Full PDB file with SEQRES, HELIX, SHEET, SSBOND, CRYST1, ORIGX, SCALE, CONECT and MASTER records, all heavy atoms in Angstrom:
SEQRES   1 A   33  SER GLY GLY ARG LEU VAL GLN GLY GLY GLY SER LEU THR          
SEQRES   2 A   33  ILE SER CYS SER ALA SER GLY MET PRO PHE THR ASN HIS          
SEQRES   3 A   33  GLU MET GLY TRP PHE ARG GLN                                  
CRYST1    1.000    1.000    1.000  90.00  90.00  90.00 P 1           1          
ORIGX1      1.000000  0.000000  0.000000        0.00000                         
ORIGX2      0.000000  1.000000  0.000000        0.00000                         
ORIGX3      0.000000  0.000000  1.000000        0.00000                         
SCALE1      1.000000  0.000000  0.000000        0.00000                         
SCALE2      0.000000  1.000000  0.000000        0.00000                         
SCALE3      0.000000  0.000000  1.000000        0.00000                         
ATOM      1  N   SER A   1      -8.649 -64.993 -20.167  1.00  0.00           N  
ATOM      2  CA  SER A   1      -9.890 -65.743 -20.109  1.00  0.00           C  
ATOM      3  C   SER A   1      -9.733 -66.916 -19.158  1.00  0.00           C  
ATOM      4  O   SER A   1      -8.619 -67.316 -18.824  1.00  0.00           O  
ATOM      5  CB  SER A   1     -10.309 -66.236 -21.496  1.00  0.00           C  
ATOM      6  OG  SER A   1      -9.342 -67.121 -22.031  1.00  0.00           O  
ATOM      7  N   GLY A   2     -10.837 -67.456 -18.738  1.00  0.00           N  
ATOM      8  CA  GLY A   2     -10.838 -68.673 -17.947  1.00  0.00           C  
ATOM      9  C   GLY A   2     -11.110 -68.496 -16.469  1.00  0.00           C  
ATOM     10  O   GLY A   2     -11.272 -69.491 -15.753  1.00  0.00           O  
ATOM     11  N   GLY A   3     -11.155 -67.269 -15.988  1.00  0.00           N  
ATOM     12  CA  GLY A   3     -11.412 -67.066 -14.576  1.00  0.00           C  
ATOM     13  C   GLY A   3     -12.834 -67.459 -14.201  1.00  0.00           C  
ATOM     14  O   GLY A   3     -13.770 -67.247 -14.966  1.00  0.00           O  
ATOM     15  N   ARG A   4     -12.985 -68.038 -13.012  1.00  0.00           N  
ATOM     16  CA  ARG A   4     -14.293 -68.446 -12.527  1.00  0.00           C  
ATOM     17  C   ARG A   4     -14.228 -68.736 -11.039  1.00  0.00           C  
ATOM     18  O   ARG A   4     -13.177 -68.609 -10.419  1.00  0.00           O  
ATOM     19  CB  ARG A   4     -14.793 -69.671 -13.291  1.00  0.00           C  
ATOM     20  CG  ARG A   4     -13.926 -70.918 -13.118  1.00  0.00           C  
ATOM     21  CD  ARG A   4     -14.565 -72.106 -13.802  1.00  0.00           C  
ATOM     22  NE  ARG A   4     -13.755 -73.312 -13.693  1.00  0.00           N  
ATOM     23  CZ  ARG A   4     -13.814 -74.171 -12.675  1.00  0.00           C  
ATOM     24  NH1 ARG A   4     -14.633 -73.934 -11.649  1.00  0.00           N  
ATOM     25  NH2 ARG A   4     -13.055 -75.254 -12.676  1.00  0.00           N  
ATOM     26  N   LEU A   5     -15.344 -69.140 -10.500  1.00  0.00           N  
ATOM     27  CA  LEU A   5     -15.419 -69.565  -9.108  1.00  0.00           C  
ATOM     28  C   LEU A   5     -14.968 -71.012  -8.989  1.00  0.00           C  
ATOM     29  O   LEU A   5     -15.431 -71.876  -9.741  1.00  0.00           O  
ATOM     30  CB  LEU A   5     -16.852 -69.422  -8.598  1.00  0.00           C  
ATOM     31  CG  LEU A   5     -17.149 -69.968  -7.207  1.00  0.00           C  
ATOM     32  CD1 LEU A   5     -16.428 -69.152  -6.146  1.00  0.00           C  
ATOM     33  CD2 LEU A   5     -18.653 -69.967  -6.960  1.00  0.00           C  
ATOM     34  N   VAL A   6     -14.072 -71.275  -8.047  1.00  0.00           N  
ATOM     35  CA  VAL A   6     -13.618 -72.634  -7.777  1.00  0.00           C  
ATOM     36  C   VAL A   6     -13.587 -72.861  -6.277  1.00  0.00           C  
ATOM     37  O   VAL A   6     -13.491 -71.922  -5.487  1.00  0.00           O  
ATOM     38  CB  VAL A   6     -12.226 -72.927  -8.374  1.00  0.00           C  
ATOM     39  CG1 VAL A   6     -12.252 -72.812  -9.889  1.00  0.00           C  
ATOM     40  CG2 VAL A   6     -11.187 -71.971  -7.799  1.00  0.00           C  
ATOM     41  N   GLN A   7     -13.661 -74.117  -5.884  1.00  0.00           N  
ATOM     42  CA  GLN A   7     -13.556 -74.467  -4.481  1.00  0.00           C  
ATOM     43  C   GLN A   7     -12.106 -74.445  -4.024  1.00  0.00           C  
ATOM     44  O   GLN A   7     -11.188 -74.718  -4.797  1.00  0.00           O  
ATOM     45  CB  GLN A   7     -14.129 -75.851  -4.234  1.00  0.00           C  
ATOM     46  CG  GLN A   7     -15.632 -75.940  -4.278  1.00  0.00           C  
ATOM     47  CD  GLN A   7     -16.122 -77.303  -3.852  1.00  0.00           C  
ATOM     48  OE1 GLN A   7     -15.534 -78.320  -4.194  1.00  0.00           O  
ATOM     49  NE2 GLN A   7     -17.206 -77.324  -3.092  1.00  0.00           N  
ATOM     50  N   GLY A   8     -11.917 -74.138  -2.757  1.00  0.00           N  
ATOM     51  CA  GLY A   8     -10.595 -74.254  -2.184  1.00  0.00           C  
ATOM     52  C   GLY A   8     -10.048 -75.657  -2.386  1.00  0.00           C  
ATOM     53  O   GLY A   8     -10.769 -76.638  -2.249  1.00  0.00           O  
ATOM     54  N   GLY A   9      -8.772 -75.747  -2.721  1.00  0.00           N  
ATOM     55  CA  GLY A   9      -8.155 -77.021  -3.036  1.00  0.00           C  
ATOM     56  C   GLY A   9      -8.288 -77.440  -4.480  1.00  0.00           C  
ATOM     57  O   GLY A   9      -7.654 -78.424  -4.896  1.00  0.00           O  
ATOM     58  N   GLY A  10      -9.085 -76.728  -5.231  1.00  0.00           N  
ATOM     59  CA  GLY A  10      -9.304 -77.058  -6.617  1.00  0.00           C  
ATOM     60  C   GLY A  10      -8.236 -76.506  -7.532  1.00  0.00           C  
ATOM     61  O   GLY A  10      -7.263 -75.887  -7.095  1.00  0.00           O  
ATOM     62  N   SER A  11      -8.440 -76.732  -8.817  1.00  0.00           N  
ATOM     63  CA  SER A  11      -7.483 -76.319  -9.840  1.00  0.00           C  
ATOM     64  C   SER A  11      -8.179 -75.524 -10.924  1.00  0.00           C  
ATOM     65  O   SER A  11      -9.375 -75.675 -11.170  1.00  0.00           O  
ATOM     66  CB  SER A  11      -6.806 -77.542 -10.466  1.00  0.00           C  
ATOM     67  OG  SER A  11      -6.081 -78.283  -9.502  1.00  0.00           O  
ATOM     68  N   LEU A  12      -7.408 -74.687 -11.578  1.00  0.00           N  
ATOM     69  CA  LEU A  12      -7.934 -73.854 -12.649  1.00  0.00           C  
ATOM     70  C   LEU A  12      -6.785 -73.397 -13.525  1.00  0.00           C  
ATOM     71  O   LEU A  12      -5.702 -73.093 -13.023  1.00  0.00           O  
ATOM     72  CB  LEU A  12      -8.662 -72.643 -12.070  1.00  0.00           C  
ATOM     73  CG  LEU A  12      -9.318 -71.674 -13.053  1.00  0.00           C  
ATOM     74  CD1 LEU A  12     -10.505 -72.351 -13.748  1.00  0.00           C  
ATOM     75  CD2 LEU A  12      -9.774 -70.419 -12.334  1.00  0.00           C  
ATOM     76  N   THR A  13      -7.022 -73.334 -14.817  1.00  0.00           N  
ATOM     77  CA  THR A  13      -6.061 -72.774 -15.751  1.00  0.00           C  
ATOM     78  C   THR A  13      -6.673 -71.566 -16.433  1.00  0.00           C  
ATOM     79  O   THR A  13      -7.794 -71.645 -16.952  1.00  0.00           O  
ATOM     80  CB  THR A  13      -5.633 -73.804 -16.808  1.00  0.00           C  
ATOM     81  OG1 THR A  13      -4.984 -74.904 -16.171  1.00  0.00           O  
ATOM     82  CG2 THR A  13      -4.653 -73.179 -17.798  1.00  0.00           C  
ATOM     83  N   ILE A  14      -5.957 -70.465 -16.408  1.00  0.00           N  
ATOM     84  CA  ILE A  14      -6.387 -69.275 -17.113  1.00  0.00           C  
ATOM     85  C   ILE A  14      -5.414 -68.995 -18.250  1.00  0.00           C  
ATOM     86  O   ILE A  14      -4.259 -69.432 -18.225  1.00  0.00           O  
ATOM     87  CB  ILE A  14      -6.520 -68.052 -16.181  1.00  0.00           C  
ATOM     88  CG1 ILE A  14      -5.209 -67.767 -15.439  1.00  0.00           C  
ATOM     89  CG2 ILE A  14      -7.652 -68.279 -15.181  1.00  0.00           C  
ATOM     90  CD1 ILE A  14      -5.256 -66.512 -14.585  1.00  0.00           C  
ATOM     91  N   SER A  15      -5.898 -68.270 -19.241  1.00  0.00           N  
ATOM     92  CA  SER A  15      -5.133 -68.058 -20.459  1.00  0.00           C  
ATOM     93  C   SER A  15      -5.051 -66.581 -20.801  1.00  0.00           C  
ATOM     94  O   SER A  15      -5.880 -65.779 -20.381  1.00  0.00           O  
ATOM     95  CB  SER A  15      -5.777 -68.804 -21.630  1.00  0.00           C  
ATOM     96  OG  SER A  15      -5.880 -70.184 -21.373  1.00  0.00           O  
ATOM     97  N   CYS A  16      -4.058 -66.263 -21.591  1.00  0.00           N  
ATOM     98  CA  CYS A  16      -3.883 -64.914 -22.112  1.00  0.00           C  
ATOM     99  C   CYS A  16      -3.531 -65.029 -23.578  1.00  0.00           C  
ATOM    100  O   CYS A  16      -2.494 -65.601 -23.930  1.00  0.00           O  
ATOM    101  CB  CYS A  16      -2.778 -64.187 -21.346  1.00  0.00           C  
ATOM    102  SG  CYS A  16      -2.267 -62.607 -22.064  1.00  0.00           S  
ATOM    103  N   SER A  17      -4.378 -64.487 -24.412  1.00  0.00           N  
ATOM    104  CA  SER A  17      -4.136 -64.480 -25.842  1.00  0.00           C  
ATOM    105  C   SER A  17      -3.564 -63.131 -26.241  1.00  0.00           C  
ATOM    106  O   SER A  17      -4.148 -62.090 -25.937  1.00  0.00           O  
ATOM    107  CB  SER A  17      -5.441 -64.746 -26.594  1.00  0.00           C  
ATOM    108  OG  SER A  17      -5.243 -64.693 -27.987  1.00  0.00           O  
ATOM    109  N   ALA A  18      -2.427 -63.162 -26.901  1.00  0.00           N  
ATOM    110  CA  ALA A  18      -1.738 -61.939 -27.288  1.00  0.00           C  
ATOM    111  C   ALA A  18      -1.790 -61.740 -28.792  1.00  0.00           C  
ATOM    112  O   ALA A  18      -1.672 -62.689 -29.566  1.00  0.00           O  
ATOM    113  CB  ALA A  18      -0.288 -61.972 -26.835  1.00  0.00           C  
ATOM    114  N   SER A  19      -1.930 -60.505 -29.185  1.00  0.00           N  
ATOM    115  CA  SER A  19      -1.854 -60.140 -30.588  1.00  0.00           C  
ATOM    116  C   SER A  19      -1.050 -58.859 -30.723  1.00  0.00           C  
ATOM    117  O   SER A  19      -0.941 -58.078 -29.784  1.00  0.00           O  
ATOM    118  CB  SER A  19      -3.247 -59.971 -31.196  1.00  0.00           C  
ATOM    119  OG  SER A  19      -3.957 -58.930 -30.542  1.00  0.00           O  
ATOM    120  N   GLY A  20      -0.485 -58.671 -31.876  1.00  0.00           N  
ATOM    121  CA  GLY A  20       0.288 -57.470 -32.126  1.00  0.00           C  
ATOM    122  C   GLY A  20       1.751 -57.571 -31.766  1.00  0.00           C  
ATOM    123  O   GLY A  20       2.522 -56.643 -32.043  1.00  0.00           O  
ATOM    124  N   MET A  21       2.144 -58.661 -31.128  1.00  0.00           N  
ATOM    125  CA  MET A  21       3.537 -58.892 -30.789  1.00  0.00           C  
ATOM    126  C   MET A  21       3.766 -60.377 -30.594  1.00  0.00           C  
ATOM    127  O   MET A  21       2.929 -61.065 -30.010  1.00  0.00           O  
ATOM    128  CB  MET A  21       3.956 -58.139 -29.526  1.00  0.00           C  
ATOM    129  CG  MET A  21       3.156 -58.510 -28.281  1.00  0.00           C  
ATOM    130  SD  MET A  21       3.791 -57.774 -26.756  1.00  0.00           S  
ATOM    131  CE  MET A  21       5.212 -58.832 -26.464  1.00  0.00           C  
ATOM    132  N   PRO A  22       4.901 -60.887 -31.040  1.00  0.00           N  
ATOM    133  CA  PRO A  22       5.224 -62.280 -30.745  1.00  0.00           C  
ATOM    134  C   PRO A  22       5.768 -62.412 -29.337  1.00  0.00           C  
ATOM    135  O   PRO A  22       6.321 -61.468 -28.776  1.00  0.00           O  
ATOM    136  CB  PRO A  22       6.291 -62.611 -31.792  1.00  0.00           C  
ATOM    137  CG  PRO A  22       6.983 -61.295 -32.032  1.00  0.00           C  
ATOM    138  CD  PRO A  22       5.904 -60.249 -31.912  1.00  0.00           C  
ATOM    139  N   PHE A  23       5.638 -63.584 -28.773  1.00  0.00           N  
ATOM    140  CA  PHE A  23       6.180 -63.837 -27.439  1.00  0.00           C  
ATOM    141  C   PHE A  23       7.680 -63.999 -27.422  1.00  0.00           C  
ATOM    142  O   PHE A  23       8.320 -63.751 -26.404  1.00  0.00           O  
ATOM    143  CB  PHE A  23       5.564 -65.115 -26.864  1.00  0.00           C  
ATOM    144  CG  PHE A  23       4.190 -64.970 -26.310  1.00  0.00           C  
ATOM    145  CD1 PHE A  23       3.471 -63.799 -26.421  1.00  0.00           C  
ATOM    146  CD2 PHE A  23       3.610 -66.042 -25.643  1.00  0.00           C  
ATOM    147  CE1 PHE A  23       2.196 -63.683 -25.904  1.00  0.00           C  
ATOM    148  CE2 PHE A  23       2.342 -65.945 -25.119  1.00  0.00           C  
ATOM    149  CZ  PHE A  23       1.631 -64.765 -25.248  1.00  0.00           C  
ATOM    150  N   THR A  24       8.250 -64.421 -28.502  1.00  0.00           N  
ATOM    151  CA  THR A  24       9.589 -64.988 -28.529  1.00  0.00           C  
ATOM    152  C   THR A  24      10.642 -64.148 -27.818  1.00  0.00           C  
ATOM    153  O   THR A  24      11.442 -64.671 -27.043  1.00  0.00           O  
ATOM    154  CB  THR A  24      10.027 -65.242 -29.974  1.00  0.00           C  
ATOM    155  OG1 THR A  24       9.062 -66.059 -30.629  1.00  0.00           O  
ATOM    156  CG2 THR A  24      11.376 -65.949 -30.010  1.00  0.00           C  
ATOM    157  N   ASN A  25      10.645 -62.871 -28.051  1.00  0.00           N  
ATOM    158  CA  ASN A  25      11.688 -62.002 -27.516  1.00  0.00           C  
ATOM    159  C   ASN A  25      11.190 -61.083 -26.409  1.00  0.00           C  
ATOM    160  O   ASN A  25      11.689 -59.971 -26.240  1.00  0.00           O  
ATOM    161  CB  ASN A  25      12.311 -61.177 -28.638  1.00  0.00           C  
ATOM    162  CG  ASN A  25      13.076 -62.026 -29.620  1.00  0.00           C  
ATOM    163  OD1 ASN A  25      13.748 -62.977 -29.229  1.00  0.00           O  
ATOM    164  ND2 ASN A  25      12.979 -61.687 -30.898  1.00  0.00           N  
ATOM    165  N   HIS A  26      10.243 -61.570 -25.645  1.00  0.00           N  
ATOM    166  CA  HIS A  26       9.657 -60.748 -24.600  1.00  0.00           C  
ATOM    167  C   HIS A  26       9.480 -61.538 -23.315  1.00  0.00           C  
ATOM    168  O   HIS A  26       9.409 -62.756 -23.308  1.00  0.00           O  
ATOM    169  CB  HIS A  26       8.305 -60.200 -25.054  1.00  0.00           C  
ATOM    170  CG  HIS A  26       8.399 -59.352 -26.274  1.00  0.00           C  
ATOM    171  ND1 HIS A  26       8.690 -58.004 -26.211  1.00  0.00           N  
ATOM    172  CD2 HIS A  26       8.271 -59.664 -27.586  1.00  0.00           C  
ATOM    173  CE1 HIS A  26       8.724 -57.517 -27.445  1.00  0.00           C  
ATOM    174  NE2 HIS A  26       8.471 -58.498 -28.289  1.00  0.00           N  
ATOM    175  N   GLU A  27       9.416 -60.787 -22.215  1.00  0.00           N  
ATOM    176  CA  GLU A  27       9.045 -61.344 -20.928  1.00  0.00           C  
ATOM    177  C   GLU A  27       7.532 -61.235 -20.791  1.00  0.00           C  
ATOM    178  O   GLU A  27       6.947 -60.168 -21.034  1.00  0.00           O  
ATOM    179  CB  GLU A  27       9.724 -60.588 -19.796  1.00  0.00           C  
ATOM    180  CG  GLU A  27       9.443 -61.140 -18.409  1.00  0.00           C  
ATOM    181  CD  GLU A  27      10.456 -62.176 -17.979  1.00  0.00           C  
ATOM    182  OE1 GLU A  27      11.514 -62.282 -18.617  1.00  0.00           O  
ATOM    183  OE2 GLU A  27      10.187 -62.892 -16.993  1.00  0.00           O  
ATOM    184  N   MET A  28       6.913 -62.323 -20.380  1.00  0.00           N  
ATOM    185  CA  MET A  28       5.484 -62.355 -20.143  1.00  0.00           C  
ATOM    186  C   MET A  28       5.226 -62.669 -18.677  1.00  0.00           C  
ATOM    187  O   MET A  28       5.974 -63.437 -18.062  1.00  0.00           O  
ATOM    188  CB  MET A  28       4.807 -63.417 -21.011  1.00  0.00           C  
ATOM    189  CG  MET A  28       5.057 -63.262 -22.501  1.00  0.00           C  
ATOM    190  SD  MET A  28       4.287 -61.764 -23.190  1.00  0.00           S  
ATOM    191  CE  MET A  28       2.552 -62.087 -22.838  1.00  0.00           C  
ATOM    192  N   GLY A  29       4.177 -62.099 -18.143  1.00  0.00           N  
ATOM    193  CA  GLY A  29       3.921 -62.316 -16.732  1.00  0.00           C  
ATOM    194  C   GLY A  29       2.454 -62.334 -16.368  1.00  0.00           C  
ATOM    195  O   GLY A  29       1.583 -61.939 -17.148  1.00  0.00           O  
ATOM    196  N   TRP A  30       2.220 -62.817 -15.164  1.00  0.00           N  
ATOM    197  CA  TRP A  30       0.911 -62.753 -14.533  1.00  0.00           C  
ATOM    198  C   TRP A  30       1.027 -61.974 -13.232  1.00  0.00           C  
ATOM    199  O   TRP A  30       1.946 -62.195 -12.439  1.00  0.00           O  
ATOM    200  CB  TRP A  30       0.364 -64.145 -14.218  1.00  0.00           C  
ATOM    201  CG  TRP A  30      -0.087 -64.940 -15.397  1.00  0.00           C  
ATOM    202  CD1 TRP A  30       0.596 -65.919 -16.038  1.00  0.00           C  
ATOM    203  CD2 TRP A  30      -1.353 -64.838 -16.054  1.00  0.00           C  
ATOM    204  NE1 TRP A  30      -0.148 -66.434 -17.056  1.00  0.00           N  
ATOM    205  CE2 TRP A  30      -1.352 -65.793 -17.094  1.00  0.00           C  
ATOM    206  CE3 TRP A  30      -2.482 -64.043 -15.871  1.00  0.00           C  
ATOM    207  CZ2 TRP A  30      -2.447 -65.967 -17.949  1.00  0.00           C  
ATOM    208  CZ3 TRP A  30      -3.558 -64.211 -16.720  1.00  0.00           C  
ATOM    209  CH2 TRP A  30      -3.529 -65.161 -17.741  1.00  0.00           C  
ATOM    210  N   PHE A  31       0.084 -61.085 -13.031  1.00  0.00           N  
ATOM    211  CA  PHE A  31      -0.066 -60.365 -11.778  1.00  0.00           C  
ATOM    212  C   PHE A  31      -1.495 -60.539 -11.300  1.00  0.00           C  
ATOM    213  O   PHE A  31      -2.385 -60.898 -12.068  1.00  0.00           O  
ATOM    214  CB  PHE A  31       0.235 -58.876 -11.958  1.00  0.00           C  
ATOM    215  CG  PHE A  31       1.686 -58.560 -12.208  1.00  0.00           C  
ATOM    216  CD1 PHE A  31       2.260 -58.788 -13.445  1.00  0.00           C  
ATOM    217  CD2 PHE A  31       2.474 -58.035 -11.199  1.00  0.00           C  
ATOM    218  CE1 PHE A  31       3.593 -58.498 -13.681  1.00  0.00           C  
ATOM    219  CE2 PHE A  31       3.813 -57.733 -11.417  1.00  0.00           C  
ATOM    220  CZ  PHE A  31       4.371 -57.972 -12.656  1.00  0.00           C  
ATOM    221  N   ARG A  32      -1.721 -60.251 -10.042  1.00  0.00           N  
ATOM    222  CA  ARG A  32      -3.080 -60.284  -9.525  1.00  0.00           C  
ATOM    223  C   ARG A  32      -3.297 -59.099  -8.601  1.00  0.00           C  
ATOM    224  O   ARG A  32      -2.361 -58.559  -8.017  1.00  0.00           O  
ATOM    225  CB  ARG A  32      -3.382 -61.597  -8.809  1.00  0.00           C  
ATOM    226  CG  ARG A  32      -2.560 -61.841  -7.554  1.00  0.00           C  
ATOM    227  CD  ARG A  32      -2.806 -63.260  -7.048  1.00  0.00           C  
ATOM    228  NE  ARG A  32      -2.105 -63.523  -5.796  1.00  0.00           N  
ATOM    229  CZ  ARG A  32      -2.044 -64.698  -5.208  1.00  0.00           C  
ATOM    230  NH1 ARG A  32      -2.649 -65.761  -5.753  1.00  0.00           N  
ATOM    231  NH2 ARG A  32      -1.384 -64.839  -4.063  1.00  0.00           N  
ATOM    232  N   GLN A  33      -4.556 -58.728  -8.466  1.00  0.00           N  
ATOM    233  CA  GLN A  33      -4.870 -57.555  -7.676  1.00  0.00           C  
ATOM    234  C   GLN A  33      -6.232 -57.702  -7.018  1.00  0.00           C  
ATOM    235  O   GLN A  33      -7.204 -58.101  -7.655  1.00  0.00           O  
ATOM    236  CB  GLN A  33      -4.848 -56.295  -8.540  1.00  0.00           C  
ATOM    237  CG  GLN A  33      -4.966 -54.998  -7.757  1.00  0.00           C  
ATOM    238  CD  GLN A  33      -4.666 -53.789  -8.622  1.00  0.00           C  
ATOM    239  OE1 GLN A  33      -4.788 -53.831  -9.844  1.00  0.00           O  
ATOM    240  NE2 GLN A  33      -4.261 -52.696  -7.985  1.00  0.00           N  
TER     241      GLN A  33                                                      
MASTER        0    0    0    0    0    0    0    6  240    1    0    3          
END                                                                             
């Protein structure tokens, strides 16, 4: 969640909510396409 239109030079934070597994013992990543 959190994606939107922003101006060049601006800032934005996007989030990923996970369920069904804890983060603790896993690698988490972001990719884009």
